[in-house]
């Protein structure tokens, strides 16, 4: 059905939206004998509680509405969307930054943003999240724009999602579903795809629904009867059948993931046995983690200006200027309110961070609120620590994108953060990368043992190992063999103790 509100003219489109806001706005009260005019404070409160509008795209295409009456669970197909948020705390700038992040998520999923709306509330409405009055206003905007999806910046309960879809007559998804869909699009490895599928099914399990009178597929008992005493009833309903199918699929995925876990633990065990330092690159999504690993190693890891461009861990070997070999692991990005299902599904991947010798915590310095990013990442890491009982490795905070950052934001970071634990750089221009490399060398040196080795000429393999796994400060020769003044990892130094000079 063609949208009767459709117009290719941008000004006409804006007038339709303005009319939707105007027609559904509360009418001013006029003074009468029994109803006094509203006070200035009441008018201010009414204005504060109203929808706020930010238009990102003025173009609009004609679209047919999907018939959601036959929708159960399905992979999201986002086209033209309206973003809706509820402002419960923080400043106006913070809530608008949150809405901008939601817009970036929607665009990463392939959507075109028609409208961005948010309202001031003490807390979300338990029935419809935004309240019945705003639902009526939002429906007018949906009809005026021809939007096929409404994206809510929060996690909707099953009841709230059903109520909104019924009242808006369009598809409604929440922030969690949006992030899950992006993960489903970007996962490449077999394990990554299985983890995302499991997370999606766990989320959808409580949200499976049926519409209309077609809920019951079978009659209980014998065909042609009511089933006899104790067996009368509708039989297995459509929702029950869908949930049973989901349970079967989830059980299958969990078995597959358990099998993959064994192989992953073998690889992790080998890395632990290795004396090569492990450095995990963690941080907020799109903070520039992959760009940083490219700047430091020349690895050519996928770099894309999109949220969650990297889902599967990428490991690259590099060599520091002092000749020491190290291994970088690029991990999945974090985001504000990362869905619980994803944290659980990707726990094995996130544990790579806890198994490292050092964490490079990358922060997007061009973001208006980088400290919020740091808090979001730390929360996820400490949630994993609470479950695993591991300790968080030492970290260096890397403020990236300083070439694009607001000087006032950088000044705030320098005031708040410990300067001995922070490096400011740009992975794009390579400014500050050398300083980070030096900091990494200094940290690894603090873990080493300095010793002097006298290695016989017949043990060239030991000399090679020392060069590969340690830092050779001086190398000399005498009649007994090769004399090395070195810094070595403590475990390697213990293994090579037989070559240590007693007078060292």
Protein backbone atom coordinates (compact mmCIF):
# COMPACT_ATOMS: atom_id res chain seq x y z
CA UNK A 1 0.00 0.00 0.00
CA UNK A 2 1.44 3.36 -0.99
CA UNK A 3 1.97 5.73 1.88
CA UNK A 4 -0.56 8.57 1.47
CA UNK A 5 1.76 10.91 3.40
CA UNK A 6 4.69 10.36 1.05
CA UNK A 7 6.27 13.35 -0.62
CA UNK A 8 9.55 13.78 -2.48
CA UNK A 9 9.64 17.43 -1.52
CA UNK A 10 11.81 18.01 1.55
CA UNK A 11 9.89 21.07 2.73
CA UNK A 12 6.57 19.25 2.36
CA UNK A 13 8.02 16.34 4.34
CA UNK A 14 9.06 18.71 7.14
CA UNK A 15 5.62 20.28 7.18
CA UNK A 16 4.05 16.83 7.62
CA UNK A 17 6.30 16.15 10.59
CA UNK A 18 5.61 19.57 12.08
CA UNK A 19 1.89 18.96 11.65
CA UNK A 20 2.22 15.62 13.48
CA UNK A 21 3.96 17.36 16.38
CA UNK A 22 1.43 20.21 16.38
CA UNK A 23 -1.72 18.11 16.07
CA UNK A 24 -0.74 15.85 18.96
CA UNK A 25 0.74 18.50 21.23
CA UNK A 26 -1.23 19.38 24.38
CA UNK A 27 -3.53 22.33 23.72
CA UNK A 28 -3.01 25.47 25.86
CA UNK A 29 -5.55 25.95 28.60
CA UNK A 30 -7.50 29.25 28.59
CA UNK A 31 -8.61 31.05 31.68
CA UNK A 32 -12.16 30.27 32.73
CA UNK A 33 -14.16 30.32 35.93
CA UNK A 34 -13.38 26.69 36.78
CA UNK A 35 -10.00 26.12 35.02
CA UNK A 36 -7.14 28.56 35.61
CA UNK A 37 -4.50 29.15 32.96
CA UNK A 38 -1.29 27.16 33.40
CA UNK A 39 1.56 28.76 35.27
CA UNK A 40 4.95 29.47 33.72
CA UNK A 41 6.41 26.54 35.63
CA UNK A 42 3.74 24.18 34.28
CA UNK A 43 4.41 25.36 30.74
CA UNK A 44 8.15 24.86 31.25
CA UNK A 45 7.53 21.36 32.58
CA UNK A 46 5.28 20.57 29.61
CA UNK A 47 7.98 21.78 27.23
CA UNK A 48 10.64 19.75 29.03
CA UNK A 49 8.55 16.57 28.86
CA UNK A 50 7.76 16.95 25.15
CA UNK A 51 9.48 15.00 22.37
CA UNK A 52 12.71 16.64 21.21
CA UNK A 53 13.44 16.33 17.52
CA UNK A 54 16.75 16.05 15.66
CA UNK A 55 16.55 15.41 11.92
CA UNK A 56 19.51 13.58 10.39
CA UNK A 57 18.07 12.90 6.91
CA UNK A 58 15.44 14.92 5.08
CA UNK A 59 15.15 12.63 2.08
CA UNK A 60 12.33 10.09 2.15
CA UNK A 61 11.43 7.17 -0.06
CA UNK A 62 8.09 5.51 -0.49
CA UNK A 63 7.88 2.25 1.41
CA UNK A 64 5.29 -0.41 1.96
CA UNK A 65 4.50 -1.33 5.55
CA UNK A 66 5.16 -4.93 6.51
CA UNK A 67 2.21 -6.82 7.88
CA UNK A 68 3.46 -7.42 11.39
CA UNK A 69 0.47 -9.62 12.22
CA UNK A 70 2.37 -12.61 10.82
CA UNK A 71 5.71 -11.76 12.38
CA UNK A 72 7.17 -14.11 14.99
CA UNK A 73 10.92 -13.87 15.22
CA UNK A 74 13.00 -13.10 12.19
CA UNK A 75 16.27 -11.55 11.19
CA UNK A 76 15.92 -7.81 11.25
CA UNK A 77 15.60 -6.00 7.94
CA UNK A 78 16.04 -2.34 8.69
CA UNK A 79 15.22 0.23 6.04
CA UNK A 80 13.81 3.56 7.17
CA UNK A 81 13.73 4.07 10.91
CA UNK A 82 12.69 6.51 13.61
CA UNK A 83 14.85 6.58 16.74
CA UNK A 84 13.15 7.15 20.08
CA UNK A 85 14.84 7.72 23.44
CA UNK A 86 13.85 8.49 27.01
CA UNK A 87 15.97 10.99 28.92
CA UNK A 88 15.98 10.00 32.60
CA UNK A 89 19.31 11.43 33.76
CA UNK A 90 22.32 13.41 32.62
CA UNK A 91 22.63 16.59 30.61
CA UNK A 92 21.08 17.43 27.26
CA UNK A 93 24.47 17.00 25.60
CA UNK A 94 24.81 13.50 27.08
CA UNK A 95 21.39 12.31 25.92
CA UNK A 96 21.99 13.72 22.43
CA UNK A 97 25.35 11.94 22.31
CA UNK A 98 23.54 8.75 23.28
CA UNK A 99 21.03 9.28 20.47
CA UNK A 100 23.88 9.93 18.02
CA UNK A 101 25.44 6.62 19.05
CA UNK A 102 22.09 4.87 18.48
CA UNK A 103 21.95 6.49 15.04
CA UNK A 104 25.45 5.19 14.27
CA UNK A 105 24.37 1.71 15.35
CA UNK A 106 21.29 1.87 13.11
CA UNK A 107 23.32 3.09 10.13
CA UNK A 108 25.87 0.30 10.71
CA UNK A 109 22.96 -2.15 10.50
CA UNK A 110 21.96 -0.64 7.14
CA UNK A 111 19.19 1.76 8.15
CA UNK A 112 18.31 5.25 6.97
CA UNK A 113 17.48 7.60 9.83
CA UNK A 114 14.32 9.62 9.22
CA UNK A 115 13.80 11.14 12.66
CA UNK A 116 15.47 11.20 16.09
CA UNK A 117 13.18 11.90 19.02
CA UNK A 118 13.66 11.85 22.78
CA UNK A 119 11.63 12.99 25.76
CA UNK A 120 12.24 13.83 29.42
CA UNK A 121 10.79 11.35 31.93
CA UNK A 122 11.60 10.32 35.49
CA UNK A 123 11.58 6.69 34.34
CA UNK A 124 10.31 4.73 31.31
CA UNK A 125 6.60 3.96 31.23
CA UNK A 126 6.06 0.31 32.29
CA UNK A 127 3.37 -0.23 29.66
CA UNK A 128 4.66 1.44 26.49
CA UNK A 129 8.09 2.79 27.55
CA UNK A 130 7.25 6.31 26.30
CA UNK A 131 3.70 6.73 27.64
CA UNK A 132 0.32 6.56 25.89
CA UNK A 133 0.28 10.24 24.89
CA UNK A 134 3.64 10.03 23.19
CA UNK A 135 2.62 6.78 21.48
CA UNK A 136 -0.24 8.64 19.77
CA UNK A 137 2.12 11.40 18.70
CA UNK A 138 4.71 8.88 17.51
CA UNK A 139 2.13 7.01 15.43
CA UNK A 140 1.30 10.22 13.57
CA UNK A 141 5.00 10.73 12.85
CA UNK A 142 5.38 7.12 11.66
CA UNK A 143 2.45 7.57 9.28
CA UNK A 144 3.75 10.93 8.06
CA UNK A 145 7.25 9.65 7.30
CA UNK A 146 6.39 6.16 6.07
CA UNK A 147 8.93 4.66 8.47
CA UNK A 148 8.93 0.88 8.62
CA UNK A 149 10.78 0.51 11.96
CA UNK A 150 10.94 2.29 15.30
CA UNK A 151 14.17 1.79 17.26
CA UNK A 152 14.03 2.45 21.01
CA UNK A 153 17.20 3.44 22.87
CA UNK A 154 16.78 0.99 25.73
CA UNK A 155 15.80 -2.61 26.40
CA UNK A 156 12.08 -3.21 26.01
CA UNK A 157 10.24 -5.85 27.99
CA UNK A 158 8.19 -8.32 25.92
CA UNK A 159 5.00 -6.53 27.03
CA UNK A 160 6.30 -3.10 26.04
CA UNK A 161 7.39 -4.34 22.62
CA UNK A 162 4.01 -5.97 21.91
CA UNK A 163 2.11 -2.88 23.09
CA UNK A 164 4.17 -0.54 20.92
CA UNK A 165 3.86 -2.70 17.80
CA UNK A 166 0.12 -2.98 18.26
CA UNK A 167 -0.37 0.76 18.77
CA UNK A 168 2.12 1.97 16.15
CA UNK A 169 1.24 -0.68 13.56
CA UNK A 170 4.89 -1.00 12.61
CA UNK A 171 7.91 -3.03 13.57
CA UNK A 172 9.52 -2.03 16.90
CA UNK A 173 12.96 -3.10 18.05
CA UNK A 174 15.14 -2.06 20.95
CA UNK A 175 18.82 -1.30 21.35
CA UNK A 176 19.63 -4.90 22.26
CA UNK A 177 18.04 -6.35 19.13
CA UNK A 178 19.86 -3.76 17.04
CA UNK A 179 23.27 -4.68 18.46
CA UNK A 180 22.55 -8.39 18.07
CA UNK A 181 21.69 -7.83 14.41
CA UNK A 182 24.95 -5.95 13.80
CA UNK A 183 26.89 -8.78 15.41
CA UNK A 184 25.06 -11.28 13.19
CA UNK A 185 26.06 -9.30 10.09
CA UNK A 186 29.74 -8.94 11.07
CA UNK A 187 30.62 -12.32 12.58
CA UNK A 188 32.95 -14.22 10.25
CA UNK A 189 34.30 -17.26 12.08
CA UNK A 190 32.23 -20.36 12.78
CA UNK A 191 32.51 -19.79 16.52
CA UNK A 192 31.57 -16.11 16.22
CA UNK A 193 28.46 -16.95 14.19
CA UNK A 194 27.43 -19.63 16.69
CA UNK A 195 27.92 -17.24 19.61
CA UNK A 196 25.78 -14.54 17.97
CA UNK A 197 23.05 -17.02 17.00
CA UNK A 198 22.88 -18.30 20.58
CA UNK A 199 22.66 -14.75 21.95
CA UNK A 200 19.86 -13.89 19.52
CA UNK A 201 17.86 -16.98 20.40
CA UNK A 202 18.24 -16.43 24.15
CA UNK A 203 16.94 -12.90 23.72
CA UNK A 204 14.07 -13.88 21.44
CA UNK A 205 12.95 -16.83 23.57
CA UNK A 206 10.85 -14.67 25.92
CA UNK A 207 9.69 -12.46 23.05
CA UNK A 208 8.16 -15.08 20.76
CA UNK A 209 4.56 -14.13 20.11
CA UNK A 210 1.63 -15.02 17.92
CA UNK A 211 -1.06 -12.80 16.47
CA UNK A 212 -4.70 -13.22 15.55
CA UNK A 213 -6.69 -16.41 16.17
CA UNK A 214 -4.07 -18.74 14.73
CA UNK A 215 -2.33 -19.49 18.01
CA UNK A 216 -3.40 -23.14 18.33
CA UNK A 217 -2.07 -25.52 15.70
CA UNK A 218 -3.29 -28.82 17.11
CA UNK A 219 -6.14 -30.25 19.10
CA UNK A 220 -5.24 -32.36 22.11
CA UNK A 221 -6.15 -36.06 22.24
CA UNK A 222 -7.72 -38.13 19.43
CA UNK A 223 -8.47 -36.54 16.10
CA UNK A 224 -12.07 -35.45 15.87
CA UNK A 225 -12.59 -35.36 19.62
CA UNK A 226 -11.84 -33.14 22.56
CA UNK A 227 -9.22 -35.57 23.79
CA UNK A 228 -11.10 -37.31 26.58
CA UNK A 229 -11.02 -36.80 30.31
CA UNK A 230 -8.00 -34.82 31.43
CA UNK A 231 -6.81 -34.30 27.86
CA UNK A 232 -9.19 -31.66 26.59
CA UNK A 233 -7.49 -28.47 25.50
CA UNK A 234 -5.95 -26.68 22.58
CA UNK A 235 -2.83 -28.86 22.42
CA UNK A 236 0.52 -27.28 21.60
CA UNK A 237 0.08 -23.66 20.75
CA UNK A 238 2.03 -21.85 18.09
CA UNK A 239 4.08 -19.99 20.69
CA UNK A 240 4.92 -23.24 22.49
CA UNK A 241 6.01 -24.85 19.23
CA UNK A 242 8.22 -21.88 18.41
CA UNK A 243 9.80 -21.93 21.86
CA UNK A 244 10.37 -25.68 21.63
CA UNK A 245 12.15 -25.15 18.31
CA UNK A 246 14.26 -22.39 19.85
CA UNK A 247 15.19 -24.62 22.82
CA UNK A 248 16.31 -27.36 20.44
CA UNK A 249 18.44 -24.94 18.41
CA UNK A 250 19.97 -23.39 21.54
CA UNK A 251 20.90 -26.82 22.90
CA UNK A 252 22.54 -27.69 19.58
CA UNK A 253 24.54 -24.45 19.52
CA UNK A 254 25.70 -24.93 23.12
CA UNK A 255 27.01 -28.41 22.24
CA UNK A 256 28.88 -26.99 19.24
CA UNK A 257 30.37 -24.18 21.32
CA UNK A 258 31.54 -26.65 23.98
CA UNK A 259 33.42 -28.53 21.27
CA UNK A 260 34.99 -25.30 20.02
CA UNK A 261 35.94 -24.36 23.58
CA UNK A 262 38.28 -27.35 23.83
CA UNK A 263 40.25 -26.29 20.76
CA UNK A 264 40.35 -22.69 21.99
CA UNK A 265 41.65 -23.72 25.43
CA UNK A 266 44.42 -25.77 23.79
CA UNK A 267 45.54 -22.70 21.84
CA UNK A 268 45.32 -20.54 24.96
CA UNK A 269 47.40 -23.06 26.91
CA UNK A 270 50.08 -22.92 24.22
CA UNK A 271 50.13 -19.14 24.43
CA UNK A 272 50.52 -19.31 28.23
CA UNK A 273 53.43 -21.69 27.83
CA UNK A 274 55.03 -19.28 25.39
CA UNK A 275 57.34 -16.66 26.84
CA UNK A 276 56.33 -14.15 24.16
CA UNK A 277 54.50 -11.25 25.88
CA UNK A 278 50.77 -11.09 25.12
CA UNK A 279 49.21 -7.65 24.69
CA UNK A 280 45.42 -7.31 24.37
CA UNK A 281 43.94 -4.28 22.64
CA UNK A 282 40.54 -3.55 24.18
CA UNK A 283 38.21 -0.59 24.16
CA UNK A 284 34.98 0.98 22.98
CA UNK A 285 33.70 0.09 19.56
CA UNK A 286 35.08 2.24 16.75
CA UNK A 287 37.75 3.70 19.06
CA UNK A 288 40.46 2.79 16.53
CA UNK A 289 41.76 -0.51 17.95
CA UNK A 290 42.34 -2.09 14.53
CA UNK A 291 43.97 1.11 13.26
CA UNK A 292 46.32 1.06 16.23
CA UNK A 293 47.37 -2.55 15.67
CA UNK A 294 48.04 -1.67 12.02
CA UNK A 295 50.08 1.39 13.00
CA UNK A 296 52.22 -0.67 15.37
CA UNK A 297 52.60 -3.85 13.29
CA UNK A 298 51.69 -3.03 9.67
CA UNK A 299 49.39 -6.04 9.86
CA UNK A 300 46.69 -4.82 7.48
CA UNK A 301 43.80 -5.72 9.82
CA UNK A 302 40.34 -4.66 8.59
CA UNK A 303 39.76 -0.99 9.41
CA UNK A 304 36.28 0.44 8.86
CA UNK A 305 34.53 3.54 10.18
CA UNK A 306 31.67 1.48 11.56
CA UNK A 307 30.65 0.10 14.92
CA UNK A 308 31.68 -3.50 15.61
CA UNK A 309 33.75 -3.84 12.43
CA UNK A 310 35.91 -6.36 14.34
CA UNK A 311 34.17 -9.26 16.09
CA UNK A 312 36.55 -12.19 15.77
CA UNK A 313 39.84 -11.79 17.70
CA UNK A 314 42.80 -10.98 15.46
CA UNK A 315 46.30 -11.94 16.62
CA UNK A 316 49.41 -10.39 15.09
CA UNK A 317 53.09 -10.86 15.94
CA UNK A 318 55.35 -7.80 16.03
CA UNK A 319 58.85 -6.84 17.07
CA UNK A 320 59.77 -3.97 19.36
CA UNK A 321 62.70 -1.68 18.48
CA UNK A 322 64.85 -3.50 21.05
CA UNK A 323 64.34 -6.73 19.11
CA UNK A 324 61.86 -8.36 21.50
CA UNK A 325 58.93 -10.25 19.92
CA UNK A 326 55.40 -9.54 21.19
CA UNK A 327 51.91 -10.66 20.21
CA UNK A 328 48.99 -8.22 19.83
CA UNK A 329 45.39 -9.46 20.07
CA UNK A 330 42.65 -7.20 18.66
CA UNK A 331 39.40 -7.94 20.53
CA UNK A 332 35.72 -7.20 20.02
CA UNK A 333 34.67 -3.67 20.92
CA UNK A 334 32.48 -2.74 23.86
CA UNK A 335 29.51 -0.41 23.87
CA UNK A 336 27.27 1.29 26.41
CA UNK A 337 24.70 -1.17 27.78
CA UNK A 338 26.24 -4.15 25.98
CA UNK A 339 23.48 -6.80 25.95
CA UNK A 340 23.84 -9.41 28.70
CA UNK A 341 23.35 -12.18 26.13
CA UNK A 342 26.36 -10.96 24.16
CA UNK A 343 28.59 -10.67 27.21
CA UNK A 344 27.70 -14.27 28.08
CA UNK A 345 28.11 -15.55 24.51
CA UNK A 346 31.41 -13.75 23.93
CA UNK A 347 32.80 -14.44 27.39
CA UNK A 348 35.35 -16.86 25.96
CA UNK A 349 36.51 -14.17 23.53
CA UNK A 350 36.60 -11.48 26.21
CA UNK A 351 38.63 -13.75 28.47
CA UNK A 352 41.48 -13.22 26.01
CA UNK A 353 41.79 -9.78 27.59
CA UNK A 354 42.24 -11.23 31.07
CA UNK A 355 44.87 -13.69 29.87
CA UNK A 356 47.16 -10.97 28.53
CA UNK A 357 50.28 -9.58 30.18
CA UNK A 358 49.19 -6.02 29.36
CA UNK A 359 45.99 -4.32 28.19
CA UNK A 360 46.03 -1.38 25.82
CA UNK A 361 42.72 0.30 26.63
CA UNK A 362 41.94 2.36 23.50
CA UNK A 363 39.65 5.37 23.91
CA UNK A 364 38.14 7.54 21.17
CA UNK A 365 39.49 10.99 22.00
CA UNK A 366 37.18 12.59 19.42
CA UNK A 367 34.09 11.42 21.32
CA UNK A 368 32.42 14.21 23.35
CA UNK A 369 32.32 11.98 26.47
CA UNK A 370 35.38 9.69 26.42
CA UNK A 371 35.27 9.16 30.20
CA UNK A 372 31.88 7.47 29.75
CA UNK A 373 33.49 5.11 27.25
CA UNK A 374 36.17 4.21 29.79
CA UNK A 375 33.52 3.48 32.44
CA UNK A 376 31.52 1.27 30.04
CA UNK A 377 34.56 -0.82 29.10
CA UNK A 378 35.70 -1.20 32.71
CA UNK A 379 32.22 -2.33 33.76
CA UNK A 380 32.18 -5.19 31.25
CA UNK A 381 35.72 -6.28 32.15
CA UNK A 382 34.98 -6.31 35.89
CA UNK A 383 31.72 -8.21 35.32
CA UNK A 384 33.77 -10.96 33.66
CA UNK A 385 36.35 -10.83 36.46
CA UNK A 386 33.64 -11.39 39.07
CA UNK A 387 32.57 -14.60 37.32
CA UNK A 388 35.99 -16.00 36.43
CA UNK A 389 37.88 -14.93 39.54
CA UNK A 390 40.83 -13.77 37.40
CA UNK A 391 42.81 -10.62 38.03
CA UNK A 392 42.74 -7.69 35.64
CA UNK A 393 46.16 -7.29 33.97
CA UNK A 394 47.95 -3.91 34.11
CA UNK A 395 46.73 -1.45 31.49
CA UNK A 396 47.88 1.54 29.52
CA UNK A 397 45.08 3.90 28.50
CA UNK A 398 45.55 4.99 24.89
CA UNK A 399 43.66 8.16 23.92
CA UNK A 400 43.36 7.78 20.13
CA UNK A 401 42.24 10.22 17.41
CA UNK A 402 43.83 13.26 19.06
CA UNK A 403 44.03 14.85 15.60
CA UNK A 404 40.21 15.02 15.61
CA UNK A 405 39.64 15.66 19.31
CA UNK A 406 38.26 18.78 20.94
CA UNK A 407 41.12 20.52 22.84
CA UNK A 408 38.79 21.07 25.82
CA UNK A 409 37.99 17.34 25.97
CA UNK A 410 41.71 16.50 25.87
CA UNK A 411 42.35 19.03 28.63
CA UNK A 412 39.69 17.35 30.79
CA UNK A 413 41.26 13.92 30.18
CA UNK A 414 44.71 15.20 31.13
CA UNK A 415 43.24 16.64 34.33
CA UNK A 416 41.32 13.50 35.34
CA UNK A 417 43.55 10.62 34.23
CA UNK A 418 46.86 9.55 35.71
CA UNK A 419 49.49 10.89 33.30
CA UNK A 420 51.85 7.99 34.03
CA UNK A 421 49.25 5.55 32.73
CA UNK A 422 48.05 7.40 29.60
CA UNK A 423 49.42 7.91 26.10
CA UNK A 424 47.88 10.39 23.63
CA UNK A 425 48.26 9.48 19.97
CA UNK A 426 46.73 9.29 16.51
CA UNK A 427 46.86 5.90 14.81
CA UNK A 428 46.02 7.68 11.55
CA UNK A 429 48.95 10.11 11.56
CA UNK A 430 51.21 7.92 13.76
CA UNK A 431 51.74 10.83 16.14
CA UNK A 432 52.50 9.43 19.60
CA UNK A 433 52.91 5.81 18.44
CA UNK A 434 56.63 5.86 19.28
CA UNK A 435 55.83 7.01 22.81
CA UNK A 436 53.42 4.09 23.23
CA UNK A 437 56.06 1.66 21.97
CA UNK A 438 58.50 3.05 24.53
CA UNK A 439 55.91 2.66 27.32
CA UNK A 440 55.36 -0.98 26.32
CA UNK A 441 59.13 -1.63 26.37
CA UNK A 442 59.41 -0.02 29.80
CA UNK A 443 56.57 -2.13 31.18
CA UNK A 444 57.98 -5.38 29.80
CA UNK A 445 61.42 -4.48 31.14
CA UNK A 446 59.91 -4.14 34.60
CA UNK A 447 58.83 -7.79 34.41
CA UNK A 448 62.28 -9.00 33.34
CA UNK A 449 65.27 -10.23 35.24
CA UNK A 450 68.67 -8.80 34.37
CA UNK A 451 71.45 -11.37 34.29
CA UNK A 452 74.77 -12.16 32.65
CA UNK A 453 75.08 -15.41 30.71
CA UNK A 454 78.18 -17.19 29.52
CA UNK A 455 77.09 -19.52 26.72
CA UNK A 456 79.52 -22.06 25.17
CA UNK A 457 80.14 -21.69 21.45
CA UNK A 458 78.54 -25.10 20.97
CA UNK A 459 75.16 -23.79 22.25
CA UNK A 460 74.19 -21.42 19.48
CA UNK A 461 70.55 -22.38 20.11
CA UNK A 462 70.69 -20.70 23.54
CA UNK A 463 72.10 -17.49 22.07
CA UNK A 464 69.32 -17.48 19.45
CA UNK A 465 66.68 -17.99 22.14
CA UNK A 466 68.08 -15.16 24.25
CA UNK A 467 67.92 -12.80 21.25
CA UNK A 468 64.35 -13.86 20.49
CA UNK A 469 62.85 -13.85 23.97
CA UNK A 470 64.92 -11.23 25.77
CA UNK A 471 66.70 -7.92 25.36
CA UNK A 472 70.45 -8.16 24.76
CA UNK A 473 72.18 -5.15 26.30
CA UNK A 474 75.76 -6.16 25.43
CA UNK A 475 77.29 -9.14 23.66
CA UNK A 476 80.97 -10.07 23.91
CA UNK A 477 83.19 -13.11 23.37
CA UNK A 478 86.00 -14.76 25.27
CA UNK A 479 87.72 -18.10 25.16
CA UNK A 480 84.91 -19.79 27.10
CA UNK A 481 82.04 -18.66 24.89
CA UNK A 482 79.58 -15.82 24.27
CA UNK A 483 79.14 -13.35 27.13
CA UNK A 484 75.66 -11.78 27.20
CA UNK A 485 74.30 -9.02 29.44
CA UNK A 486 70.56 -9.53 29.03
CA UNK A 487 67.09 -8.85 30.38
CA UNK A 488 64.95 -11.99 30.26
CA UNK A 489 61.45 -12.99 31.35
CA UNK A 490 61.72 -14.48 34.84
CA UNK A 491 60.75 -17.95 33.67
CA UNK A 492 63.34 -17.97 30.86
CA UNK A 493 66.02 -16.71 33.23
CA UNK A 494 65.24 -19.61 35.57
CA UNK A 495 65.44 -22.13 32.70
CA UNK A 496 68.82 -20.75 31.62
CA UNK A 497 70.24 -20.49 35.13
CA UNK A 498 72.95 -23.05 34.34
CA UNK A 499 74.58 -20.48 32.01
CA UNK A 500 74.49 -17.61 34.50
CA UNK A 501 77.87 -16.28 35.61
CA UNK A 502 78.34 -16.77 39.31
CA UNK A 503 80.09 -13.41 39.67
CA UNK A 504 77.28 -11.53 37.88
